[in-house]
PDB file of N, CA and C in Angstrom:
ATOM      1  N   MET A   1      -4.309  12.758   5.912  1.00  0.00           N
ATOM      2  CA  MET A   1      -3.236  13.591   6.400  1.00  0.00           C
ATOM      3  C   MET A   1      -2.568  12.911   7.595  1.00  0.00           C
ATOM      4  N   PRO A   2      -1.274  13.086   7.748  1.00  0.00           N
ATOM      5  CA  PRO A   2      -0.595  12.496   8.903  1.00  0.00           C
ATOM      6  C   PRO A   2      -1.086  13.105  10.207  1.00  0.00           C
ATOM      7  N   VAL A   3      -0.954  12.343  11.256  1.00  0.00           N
ATOM      8  CA  VAL A   3      -1.421  12.755  12.578  1.00  0.00           C
ATOM      9  C   VAL A   3      -0.648  13.957  13.094  1.00  0.00           C
ATOM     10  N   ILE A   4       0.602  14.095  12.669  1.00  0.00           N
ATOM     11  CA  ILE A   4       1.467  15.151  13.205  1.00  0.00           C
ATOM     12  C   ILE A   4       0.911  16.553  12.924  1.00  0.00           C
ATOM     13  N   PHE A   5       0.135  16.704  11.864  1.00  0.00           N
ATOM     14  CA  PHE A   5      -0.392  18.021  11.554  1.00  0.00           C
ATOM     15  C   PHE A   5      -1.556  18.401  12.471  1.00  0.00           C
ATOM     16  N   PHE A   6      -2.116  17.436  13.187  1.00  0.00           N
ATOM     17  CA  PHE A   6      -3.219  17.717  14.088  1.00  0.00           C
ATOM     18  C   PHE A   6      -2.771  17.907  15.528  1.00  0.00           C
ATOM     19  N   LEU A   7      -1.470  17.877  15.770  1.00  0.00           N
ATOM     20  CA  LEU A   7      -0.960  18.071  17.122  1.00  0.00           C
ATOM     21  C   LEU A   7      -1.024  19.547  17.500  1.00  0.00           C
ATOM     22  N   ASP A   8      -1.377  19.780  18.729  1.00  0.00           N
ATOM     23  CA  ASP A   8      -1.362  21.136  19.260  1.00  0.00           C
ATOM     24  C   ASP A   8       0.017  21.367  19.878  1.00  0.00           C
ATOM     25  N   THR A   9       0.878  22.076  19.168  1.00  0.00           N
ATOM     26  CA  THR A   9       2.247  22.282  19.652  1.00  0.00           C
ATOM     27  C   THR A   9       2.334  23.377  20.705  1.00  0.00           C
ATOM     28  N   LYS A  10       1.200  23.908  21.104  1.00  0.00           N
ATOM     29  CA  LYS A  10       1.208  24.897  22.178  1.00  0.00           C
ATOM     30  C   LYS A  10       1.186  24.229  23.546  1.00  0.00           C
ATOM     31  N   THR A  11       0.810  22.964  23.586  1.00  0.00           N
ATOM     32  CA  THR A  11       0.809  22.229  24.851  1.00  0.00           C
ATOM     33  C   THR A  11       2.131  21.474  24.990  1.00  0.00           C
ATOM     34  N   PRO A  12       2.571  21.225  26.202  1.00  0.00           N
ATOM     35  CA  PRO A  12       3.826  20.486  26.399  1.00  0.00           C
ATOM     36  C   PRO A  12       3.774  19.065  25.827  1.00  0.00           C
ATOM     37  N   THR A  13       2.646  18.406  25.961  1.00  0.00           N
ATOM     38  CA  THR A  13       2.536  17.043  25.434  1.00  0.00           C
ATOM     39  C   THR A  13       2.656  17.032  23.911  1.00  0.00           C
ATOM     40  N   GLY A  14       2.045  17.987  23.278  1.00  0.00           N
ATOM     41  CA  GLY A  14       2.146  18.075  21.821  1.00  0.00           C
ATOM     42  C   GLY A  14       3.564  18.329  21.363  1.00  0.00           C
ATOM     43  N   ARG A  15       4.288  19.160  22.089  1.00  0.00           N
ATOM     44  CA  ARG A  15       5.686  19.426  21.743  1.00  0.00           C
ATOM     45  C   ARG A  15       6.554  18.189  21.953  1.00  0.00           C
ATOM     46  N   ILE A  16       6.279  17.453  23.012  1.00  0.00           N
ATOM     47  CA  ILE A  16       7.065  16.249  23.282  1.00  0.00           C
ATOM     48  C   ILE A  16       6.808  15.201  22.206  1.00  0.00           C
ATOM     49  N   ILE A  17       5.549  15.037  21.822  1.00  0.00           N
ATOM     50  CA  ILE A  17       5.228  14.067  20.773  1.00  0.00           C
ATOM     51  C   ILE A  17       5.863  14.496  19.454  1.00  0.00           C
ATOM     52  N   LEU A  18       5.823  15.764  19.146  1.00  0.00           N
ATOM     53  CA  LEU A  18       6.471  16.256  17.929  1.00  0.00           C
ATOM     54  C   LEU A  18       7.978  16.017  17.985  1.00  0.00           C
ATOM     55  N   GLY A  19       8.573  16.240  19.154  1.00  0.00           N
ATOM     56  CA  GLY A  19      10.000  15.965  19.314  1.00  0.00           C
ATOM     57  C   GLY A  19      10.320  14.498  19.130  1.00  0.00           C
ATOM     58  N   CYS A  20       9.457  13.617  19.653  1.00  0.00           N
ATOM     59  CA  CYS A  20       9.647  12.171  19.476  1.00  0.00           C
ATOM     60  C   CYS A  20       9.601  11.783  18.001  1.00  0.00           C
ATOM     61  N   VAL A  21       8.663  12.339  17.300  1.00  0.00           N
ATOM     62  CA  VAL A  21       8.534  12.019  15.875  1.00  0.00           C
ATOM     63  C   VAL A  21       9.762  12.510  15.113  1.00  0.00           C
ATOM     64  N   ILE A  22      10.223  13.705  15.423  1.00  0.00           N
ATOM     65  CA  ILE A  22      11.400  14.246  14.735  1.00  0.00           C
ATOM     66  C   ILE A  22      12.641  13.415  15.060  1.00  0.00           C
ATOM     67  N   LEU A  23      12.820  13.056  16.334  1.00  0.00           N
ATOM     68  CA  LEU A  23      13.981  12.245  16.711  1.00  0.00           C
ATOM     69  C   LEU A  23      13.924  10.848  16.108  1.00  0.00           C
ATOM     70  N   ALA A  24      12.745  10.256  16.040  1.00  0.00           N
ATOM     71  CA  ALA A  24      12.615   8.935  15.409  1.00  0.00           C
ATOM     72  C   ALA A  24      12.941   9.020  13.925  1.00  0.00           C
ATOM     73  N   ALA A  25      12.506  10.100  13.274  1.00  0.00           N
ATOM     74  CA  ALA A  25      12.825  10.272  11.856  1.00  0.00           C
ATOM     75  C   ALA A  25      14.329  10.452  11.652  1.00  0.00           C
ATOM     76  N   LEU A  26      14.976  11.184  12.542  1.00  0.00           N
ATOM     77  CA  LEU A  26      16.427  11.356  12.447  1.00  0.00           C
ATOM     78  C   LEU A  26      17.159  10.036  12.681  1.00  0.00           C
ATOM     79  N   LEU A  27      16.670   9.238  13.609  1.00  0.00           N
ATOM     80  CA  LEU A  27      17.273   7.921  13.842  1.00  0.00           C
ATOM     81  C   LEU A  27      17.139   7.019  12.619  1.00  0.00           C
ATOM     82  N   ILE A  28      15.980   7.031  12.010  1.00  0.00           N
ATOM     83  CA  ILE A  28      15.779   6.214  10.810  1.00  0.00           C
ATOM     84  C   ILE A  28      16.680   6.697   9.684  1.00  0.00           C
ATOM     85  N   LEU A  29      16.800   8.002   9.521  1.00  0.00           N
ATOM     86  CA  LEU A  29      17.676   8.546   8.484  1.00  0.00           C
ATOM     87  C   LEU A  29      19.131   8.174   8.738  1.00  0.00           C
ATOM     88  N   ALA A  30      19.575   8.288   9.981  1.00  0.00           N
ATOM     89  CA  ALA A  30      20.951   7.921  10.315  1.00  0.00           C
ATOM     90  C   ALA A  30      21.191   6.438  10.086  1.00  0.00           C
ATOM     91  N   PHE A  31      20.215   5.615  10.432  1.00  0.00           N
ATOM     92  CA  PHE A  31      20.335   4.184  10.209  1.00  0.00           C
ATOM     93  C   PHE A  31      20.477   3.874   8.723  1.00  0.00           C
ATOM     94  N   LEU A  32      19.642   4.489   7.922  1.00  0.00           N
ATOM     95  CA  LEU A  32      19.701   4.232   6.482  1.00  0.00           C
ATOM     96  C   LEU A  32      21.025   4.695   5.885  1.00  0.00           C
ATOM     97  N   LEU A  33      21.501   5.852   6.310  1.00  0.00           N
ATOM     98  CA  LEU A  33      22.780   6.343   5.798  1.00  0.00           C
ATOM     99  C   LEU A  33      23.933   5.433   6.196  1.00  0.00           C
ATOM    100  N   LEU A  34      23.960   4.994   7.434  1.00  0.00           N
ATOM    101  CA  LEU A  34      25.022   4.095   7.889  1.00  0.00           C
ATOM    102  C   LEU A  34      24.944   2.745   7.199  1.00  0.00           C
ATOM    103  N   PHE A  35      23.749   2.212   7.107  1.00  0.00           N
ATOM    104  CA  PHE A  35      23.578   0.859   6.586  1.00  0.00           C
ATOM    105  C   PHE A  35      23.888   0.768   5.098  1.00  0.00           C
ATOM    106  N   PHE A  36      23.473   1.755   4.333  1.00  0.00           N
ATOM    107  CA  PHE A  36      23.645   1.672   2.889  1.00  0.00           C
ATOM    108  C   PHE A  36      24.962   2.251   2.392  1.00  0.00           C
ATOM    109  N   ASN A  37      25.718   2.929   3.250  1.00  0.00           N
ATOM    110  CA  ASN A  37      27.017   3.447   2.832  1.00  0.00           C
ATOM    111  C   ASN A  37      28.172   2.526   3.177  1.00  0.00           C
ATOM    112  N   LEU A  38      27.886   1.393   3.786  1.00  0.00           N
ATOM    113  CA  LEU A  38      28.936   0.396   3.988  1.00  0.00           C
ATOM    114  C   LEU A  38      29.313  -0.193   2.633  1.00  0.00           C
ATOM    115  N   PRO A  39      30.578  -0.502   2.442  1.00  0.00           N
ATOM    116  CA  PRO A  39      30.975  -1.058   1.143  1.00  0.00           C
ATOM    117  C   PRO A  39      30.372  -2.437   0.919  1.00  0.00           C
ATOM    118  N   ASP A  40      30.328  -2.832  -0.335  1.00  0.00           N
ATOM    119  CA  ASP A  40      29.825  -4.146  -0.697  1.00  0.00           C
ATOM    120  C   ASP A  40      30.738  -5.214  -0.119  1.00  0.00           C
ATOM    121  N   ALA A  41      30.155  -6.240   0.432  1.00  0.00           N
ATOM    122  CA  ALA A  41      30.944  -7.270   1.098  1.00  0.00           C
ATOM    123  C   ALA A  41      31.803  -8.067   0.121  1.00  0.00           C
ATOM    124  N   ASN A  42      31.382  -8.187  -1.105  1.00  0.00           N
ATOM    125  CA  ASN A  42      32.120  -8.983  -2.082  1.00  0.00           C
ATOM    126  C   ASN A  42      32.939  -8.135  -3.053  1.00  0.00           C
ATOM    127  N   ALA A  43      33.109  -6.856  -2.772  1.00  0.00           N
ATOM    128  CA  ALA A  43      33.854  -5.988  -3.692  1.00  0.00           C
ATOM    129  C   ALA A  43      35.305  -6.444  -3.818  1.00  0.00           C
ATOM    130  N   PHE A  44      35.913  -6.814  -2.708  1.00  0.00           N
ATOM    131  CA  PHE A  44      37.310  -7.255  -2.739  1.00  0.00           C
ATOM    132  C   PHE A  44      37.436  -8.562  -3.506  1.00  0.00           C
ATOM    133  N   ASN A  45      36.538  -9.501  -3.264  1.00  0.00           N
ATOM    134  CA  ASN A  45      36.585 -10.774  -3.988  1.00  0.00           C
ATOM    135  C   ASN A  45      36.379 -10.580  -5.485  1.00  0.00           C
ATOM    136  N   ASN A  46      35.490  -9.684  -5.848  1.00  0.00           N
ATOM    137  CA  ASN A  46      35.254  -9.416  -7.273  1.00  0.00           C
ATOM    138  C   ASN A  46      36.489  -8.825  -7.939  1.00  0.00           C
ATOM    139  N   ARG A  47      37.189  -7.961  -7.230  1.00  0.00           N
ATOM    140  CA  ARG A  47      38.414  -7.355  -7.781  1.00  0.00           C
ATOM    141  C   ARG A  47      39.522  -8.392  -7.938  1.00  0.00           C
ATOM    142  N   VAL A  48      39.670  -9.291  -6.972  1.00  0.00           N
ATOM    143  CA  VAL A  48      40.673 -10.356  -7.079  1.00  0.00           C
ATOM    144  C   VAL A  48      40.340 -11.265  -8.258  1.00  0.00           C
ATOM    145  N   GLU A  49      39.066 -11.575  -8.429  1.00  0.00           N
ATOM    146  CA  GLU A  49      38.658 -12.408  -9.566  1.00  0.00           C
ATOM    147  C   GLU A  49      38.943 -11.706 -10.885  1.00  0.00           C
ATOM    148  N   GLN A  50      38.701 -10.402 -10.935  1.00  0.00           N
ATOM    149  CA  GLN A  50      38.978  -9.642 -12.150  1.00  0.00           C
ATOM    150  C   GLN A  50      40.468  -9.648 -12.464  1.00  0.00           C
ATOM    151  N   ILE A  51      41.316  -9.499 -11.449  1.00  0.00           N
ATOM    152  CA  ILE A  51      42.766  -9.551 -11.660  1.00  0.00           C
ATOM    153  C   ILE A  51      43.170 -10.919 -12.198  1.00  0.00           C
ATOM    154  N   PHE A  52      42.597 -11.962 -11.636  1.00  0.00           N
ATOM    155  CA  PHE A  52      42.935 -13.316 -12.054  1.00  0.00           C
ATOM    156  C   PHE A  52      42.509 -13.573 -13.494  1.00  0.00           C
ATOM    157  N   VAL A  53      41.350 -13.077 -13.881  1.00  0.00           N
ATOM    158  CA  VAL A  53      40.838 -13.316 -15.238  1.00  0.00           C
ATOM    159  C   VAL A  53      41.597 -12.493 -16.267  1.00  0.00           C
ATOM    160  N   GLU A  54      41.952 -11.247 -15.946  1.00  0.00           N
ATOM    161  CA  GLU A  54      42.565 -10.346 -16.913  1.00  0.00           C
ATOM    162  C   GLU A  54      44.051 -10.604 -17.121  1.00  0.00           C
ATOM    163  N   ASN A  55      44.739 -11.209 -16.170  1.00  0.00           N
ATOM    164  CA  ASN A  55      46.183 -11.400 -16.281  1.00  0.00           C
ATOM    165  C   ASN A  55      46.518 -12.813 -16.740  1.00  0.00           C
ATOM    166  N   ASP A  56      47.137 -12.889 -17.919  1.00  0.00           N
ATOM    167  CA  ASP A  56      47.587 -14.185 -18.417  1.00  0.00           C
ATOM    168  C   ASP A  56      48.949 -14.555 -17.842  1.00  0.00           C
ATOM    169  N   ALA A  57      49.644 -13.585 -17.258  1.00  0.00           N
ATOM    170  CA  ALA A  57      50.990 -13.833 -16.751  1.00  0.00           C
ATOM    171  C   ALA A  57      50.971 -14.544 -15.397  1.00  0.00           C
ATOM    172  N   LEU A  58      49.803 -14.667 -14.802  1.00  0.00           N
ATOM    173  CA  LEU A  58      49.719 -15.303 -13.486  1.00  0.00           C
ATOM    174  C   LEU A  58      49.537 -16.811 -13.642  1.00  0.00           C
ATOM    175  N   THR A  59      50.577 -17.464 -14.090  1.00  0.00           N
ATOM    176  CA  THR A  59      50.499 -18.910 -14.319  1.00  0.00           C
ATOM    177  C   THR A  59      51.402 -19.697 -13.378  1.00  0.00           C
ATOM    178  N   THR A  60      52.276 -19.018 -12.674  1.00  0.00           N
ATOM    179  CA  THR A  60      53.160 -19.737 -11.766  1.00  0.00           C
ATOM    180  C   THR A  60      52.388 -20.148 -10.517  1.00  0.00           C
ATOM    181  N   PRO A  61      52.803 -21.236  -9.891  1.00  0.00           N
ATOM    182  CA  PRO A  61      52.100 -21.669  -8.681  1.00  0.00           C
ATOM    183  C   PRO A  61      52.150 -20.626  -7.562  1.00  0.00           C
ATOM    184  N   GLU A  62      53.237 -19.852  -7.504  1.00  0.00           N
ATOM    185  CA  GLU A  62      53.339 -18.830  -6.454  1.00  0.00           C
ATOM    186  C   GLU A  62      52.301 -17.731  -6.640  1.00  0.00           C
ATOM    187  N   SER A  63      52.120 -17.285  -7.877  1.00  0.00           N
ATOM    188  CA  SER A  63      51.153 -16.213  -8.132  1.00  0.00           C
ATOM    189  C   SER A  63      49.722 -16.708  -7.935  1.00  0.00           C
ATOM    190  N   ILE A  64      49.452 -17.941  -8.295  1.00  0.00           N
ATOM    191  CA  ILE A  64      48.117 -18.499  -8.074  1.00  0.00           C
ATOM    192  C   ILE A  64      47.846 -18.640  -6.576  1.00  0.00           C
ATOM    193  N   LYS A  65      48.858 -19.071  -5.838  1.00  0.00           N
ATOM    194  CA  LYS A  65      48.710 -19.198  -4.383  1.00  0.00           C
ATOM    195  C   LYS A  65      48.470 -17.823  -3.739  1.00  0.00           C
ATOM    196  N   LEU A  66      49.156 -16.789  -4.250  1.00  0.00           N
ATOM    197  CA  LEU A  66      48.957 -15.431  -3.748  1.00  0.00           C
ATOM    198  C   LEU A  66      47.527 -14.959  -3.994  1.00  0.00           C
ATOM    199  N   LEU A  67      46.993 -15.238  -5.172  1.00  0.00           N
ATOM    200  CA  LEU A  67      45.610 -14.861  -5.462  1.00  0.00           C
ATOM    201  C   LEU A  67      44.626 -15.628  -4.580  1.00  0.00           C
ATOM    202  N   GLU A  68      44.928 -16.892  -4.285  1.00  0.00           N
ATOM    203  CA  GLU A  68      44.064 -17.658  -3.391  1.00  0.00           C
ATOM    204  C   GLU A  68      44.067 -17.066  -1.982  1.00  0.00           C
ATOM    205  N   ILE A  69      45.238 -16.645  -1.525  1.00  0.00           N
ATOM    206  CA  ILE A  69      45.335 -16.019  -0.203  1.00  0.00           C
ATOM    207  C   ILE A  69      44.568 -14.701  -0.183  1.00  0.00           C
ATOM    208  N   MET A  70      44.675 -13.930  -1.267  1.00  0.00           N
ATOM    209  CA  MET A  70      43.925 -12.670  -1.355  1.00  0.00           C
ATOM    210  C   MET A  70      42.420 -12.935  -1.335  1.00  0.00           C
ATOM    211  N   ALA A  71      41.986 -13.979  -2.029  1.00  0.00           N
ATOM    212  CA  ALA A  71      40.558 -14.310  -2.051  1.00  0.00           C
ATOM    213  C   ALA A  71      40.085 -14.736  -0.661  1.00  0.00           C
ATOM    214  N   GLN A  72      40.905 -15.475   0.068  1.00  0.00           N
ATOM    215  CA  GLN A  72      40.529 -15.887   1.421  1.00  0.00           C
ATOM    216  C   GLN A  72      40.428 -14.684   2.355  1.00  0.00           C
ATOM    217  N   SER A  73      41.334 -13.718   2.190  1.00  0.00           N
ATOM    218  CA  SER A  73      41.252 -12.527   3.035  1.00  0.00           C
ATOM    219  C   SER A  73      40.023 -11.693   2.675  1.00  0.00           C
ATOM    220  N   GLY A  74      39.646 -11.689   1.408  1.00  0.00           N
ATOM    221  CA  GLY A  74      38.427 -10.994   0.998  1.00  0.00           C
ATOM    222  C   GLY A  74      37.190 -11.638   1.587  1.00  0.00           C
ATOM    223  N   THR A  75      37.202 -12.969   1.679  1.00  0.00           N
ATOM    224  CA  THR A  75      36.076 -13.673   2.293  1.00  0.00           C
ATOM    225  C   THR A  75      35.995 -13.342   3.784  1.00  0.00           C
ATOM    226  N   ALA A  76      37.133 -13.280   4.448  1.00  0.00           N
ATOM    227  CA  ALA A  76      37.139 -12.903   5.865  1.00  0.00           C
ATOM    228  C   ALA A  76      36.621 -11.473   6.042  1.00  0.00           C
ATOM    229  N   PHE A  77      37.003 -10.575   5.118  1.00  0.00           N
ATOM    230  CA  PHE A  77      36.527  -9.195   5.178  1.00  0.00           C
ATOM    231  C   PHE A  77      35.017  -9.137   4.988  1.00  0.00           C
ATOM    232  N   SER A  78      34.489  -9.914   4.061  1.00  0.00           N
ATOM    233  CA  SER A  78      33.039  -9.891   3.832  1.00  0.00           C
ATOM    234  C   SER A  78      32.285 -10.440   5.036  1.00  0.00           C
ATOM    235  N   ASP A  79      32.845 -11.448   5.701  1.00  0.00           N
ATOM    236  CA  ASP A  79      32.215 -11.960   6.922  1.00  0.00           C
ATOM    237  C   ASP A  79      32.212 -10.898   8.022  1.00  0.00           C
ATOM    238  N   ALA A  80      33.318 -10.194   8.168  1.00  0.00           N
ATOM    239  CA  ALA A  80      33.395  -9.137   9.176  1.00  0.00           C
ATOM    240  C   ALA A  80      32.414  -8.011   8.851  1.00  0.00           C
ATOM    241  N   LEU A  81      32.270  -7.682   7.595  1.00  0.00           N
ATOM    242  CA  LEU A  81      31.368  -6.615   7.190  1.00  0.00           C
ATOM    243  C   LEU A  81      29.914  -6.992   7.457  1.00  0.00           C
ATOM    244  N   GLN A  82      29.571  -8.245   7.258  1.00  0.00           N
ATOM    245  CA  GLN A  82      28.217  -8.699   7.592  1.00  0.00           C
ATOM    246  C   GLN A  82      27.968  -8.569   9.096  1.00  0.00           C
ATOM    247  N   GLY A  83      28.992  -8.865   9.873  1.00  0.00           N
ATOM    248  CA  GLY A  83      28.870  -8.683  11.323  1.00  0.00           C
ATOM    249  C   GLY A  83      28.677  -7.227  11.692  1.00  0.00           C
ATOM    250  N   TYR A  84      29.388  -6.330  11.006  1.00  0.00           N
ATOM    251  CA  TYR A  84      29.224  -4.898  11.265  1.00  0.00           C
ATOM    252  C   TYR A  84      27.805  -4.448  10.942  1.00  0.00           C
ATOM    253  N   ARG A  85      27.262  -4.931   9.858  1.00  0.00           N
ATOM    254  CA  ARG A  85      25.885  -4.576   9.490  1.00  0.00           C
ATOM    255  C   ARG A  85      24.907  -5.018  10.575  1.00  0.00           C
ATOM    256  N   PHE A  86      25.100  -6.212  11.100  1.00  0.00           N
ATOM    257  CA  PHE A  86      24.218  -6.724  12.139  1.00  0.00           C
ATOM    258  C   PHE A  86      24.350  -5.892  13.412  1.00  0.00           C
ATOM    259  N   VAL A  87      25.576  -5.540  13.789  1.00  0.00           N
ATOM    260  CA  VAL A  87      25.797  -4.744  14.995  1.00  0.00           C
ATOM    261  C   VAL A  87      25.175  -3.356  14.843  1.00  0.00           C
ATOM    262  N   ILE A  88      25.328  -2.738  13.686  1.00  0.00           N
ATOM    263  CA  ILE A  88      24.723  -1.426  13.448  1.00  0.00           C
ATOM    264  C   ILE A  88      23.202  -1.518  13.561  1.00  0.00           C
ATOM    265  N   PHE A  89      22.631  -2.565  12.998  1.00  0.00           N
ATOM    266  CA  PHE A  89      21.181  -2.749  13.058  1.00  0.00           C
ATOM    267  C   PHE A  89      20.707  -2.887  14.507  1.00  0.00           C
ATOM    268  N   ILE A  90      21.386  -3.709  15.282  1.00  0.00           N
ATOM    269  CA  ILE A  90      20.999  -3.920  16.675  1.00  0.00           C
ATOM    270  C   ILE A  90      21.163  -2.631  17.490  1.00  0.00           C
ATOM    271  N   LEU A  91      22.261  -1.911  17.285  1.00  0.00           N
ATOM    272  CA  LEU A  91      22.479  -0.671  18.038  1.00  0.00           C
ATOM    273  C   LEU A  91      21.448   0.398  17.690  1.00  0.00           C
ATOM    274  N   MET A  92      21.066   0.474  16.448  1.00  0.00           N
ATOM    275  CA  MET A  92      20.051   1.457  16.066  1.00  0.00           C
ATOM    276  C   MET A  92      18.692   1.083  16.653  1.00  0.00           C
ATOM    277  N   LEU A  93      18.363  -0.203  16.672  1.00  0.00           N
ATOM    278  CA  LEU A  93      17.107  -0.611  17.314  1.00  0.00           C
ATOM    279  C   LEU A  93      17.124  -0.305  18.804  1.00  0.00           C
ATOM    280  N   LEU A  94      18.252  -0.567  19.442  1.00  0.00           N
ATOM    281  CA  LEU A  94      18.371  -0.294  20.867  1.00  0.00           C
ATOM    282  C   LEU A  94      18.254   1.200  21.155  1.00  0.00           C
ATOM    283  N   SER A  95      18.921   2.016  20.363  1.00  0.00           N
ATOM    284  CA  SER A  95      18.842   3.459  20.596  1.00  0.00           C
ATOM    285  C   SER A  95      17.439   3.991  20.350  1.00  0.00           C
ATOM    286  N   ALA A  96      16.757   3.463  19.347  1.00  0.00           N
ATOM    287  CA  ALA A  96      15.381   3.900  19.102  1.00  0.00           C
ATOM    288  C   ALA A  96      14.470   3.489  20.252  1.00  0.00           C
ATOM    289  N   ALA A  97      14.639   2.276  20.746  1.00  0.00           N
ATOM    290  CA  ALA A  97      13.808   1.815  21.862  1.00  0.00           C
ATOM    291  C   ALA A  97      14.068   2.642  23.119  1.00  0.00           C
ATOM    292  N   LEU A  98      15.329   2.940  23.391  1.00  0.00           N
ATOM    293  CA  LEU A  98      15.649   3.751  24.568  1.00  0.00           C
ATOM    294  C   LEU A  98      15.104   5.166  24.436  1.00  0.00           C
ATOM    295  N   LEU A  99      15.231   5.724  23.264  1.00  0.00           N
ATOM    296  CA  LEU A  99      14.735   7.078  23.044  1.00  0.00           C
ATOM    297  C   LEU A  99      13.223   7.144  23.217  1.00  0.00           C
ATOM    298  N   LEU A 100      12.526   6.226  22.588  1.00  0.00           N
ATOM    299  CA  LEU A 100      11.067   6.255  22.666  1.00  0.00           C
ATOM    300  C   LEU A 100      10.565   5.928  24.072  1.00  0.00           C
ATOM    301  N   SER A 101      11.221   5.014  24.748  1.00  0.00           N
ATOM    302  CA  SER A 101      10.781   4.703  26.122  1.00  0.00           C
ATOM    303  C   SER A 101      11.059   5.869  27.061  1.00  0.00           C
ATOM    304  N   SER A 102      12.179   6.554  26.877  1.00  0.00           N
ATOM    305  CA  SER A 102      12.449   7.717  27.738  1.00  0.00           C
ATOM    306  C   SER A 102      11.458   8.837  27.464  1.00  0.00           C
ATOM    307  N   MET A 103      11.072   9.018  26.222  1.00  0.00           N
ATOM    308  CA  MET A 103      10.058  10.023  25.912  1.00  0.00           C
ATOM    309  C   MET A 103       8.708   9.640  26.494  1.00  0.00           C
ATOM    310  N   TYR A 104       8.409   8.343  26.460  1.00  0.00           N
ATOM    311  CA  TYR A 104       7.130   7.894  27.044  1.00  0.00           C
ATOM    312  C   TYR A 104       7.094   8.175  28.545  1.00  0.00           C
ATOM    313  N   PHE A 105       8.199   7.853  29.238  1.00  0.00           N
ATOM    314  CA  PHE A 105       8.219   8.096  30.675  1.00  0.00           C
ATOM    315  C   PHE A 105       8.273   9.591  30.999  1.00  0.00           C
ATOM    316  N   LEU A 106       8.779  10.386  30.080  1.00  0.00           N
ATOM    317  CA  LEU A 106       8.781  11.834  30.284  1.00  0.00           C
ATOM    318  C   LEU A 106       7.357  12.387  30.169  1.00  0.00           C
ATOM    319  N   ILE A 107       6.600  11.835  29.262  1.00  0.00           N
ATOM    320  CA  ILE A 107       5.217  12.310  29.053  1.00  0.00           C
ATOM    321  C   ILE A 107       4.333  11.891  30.217  1.00  0.00           C
ATOM    322  N   HIS A 108       4.466  10.645  30.672  1.00  0.00           N
ATOM    323  CA  HIS A 108       3.553  10.118  31.703  1.00  0.00           C
ATOM    324  C   HIS A 108       4.236  10.183  32.993  1.00  0.00           C
TER     325      HIS A 108
END
């Protein structure tokens, strides 16, 4: 059985520990929701490739150049999205560390 069921929630320390566990669980849930709901980094590139493959009318140099520019912008978007994922990860770790350390200093 998990340790949380053996806590005495009638004491202040037990309530604080229970609050820490609940807040940590909420942080993990928020992290998972944020992290997994970001769009796929290559979705734009895949769509540009699909347009290029499906259209036979795109044979002029101008239209090919336009598709190349679109693909380059999709690559820039995917790089930015990877950066966003990293920033979200770091911020969630920082918030969890701050929360748990503040709870520790509140208890002791």
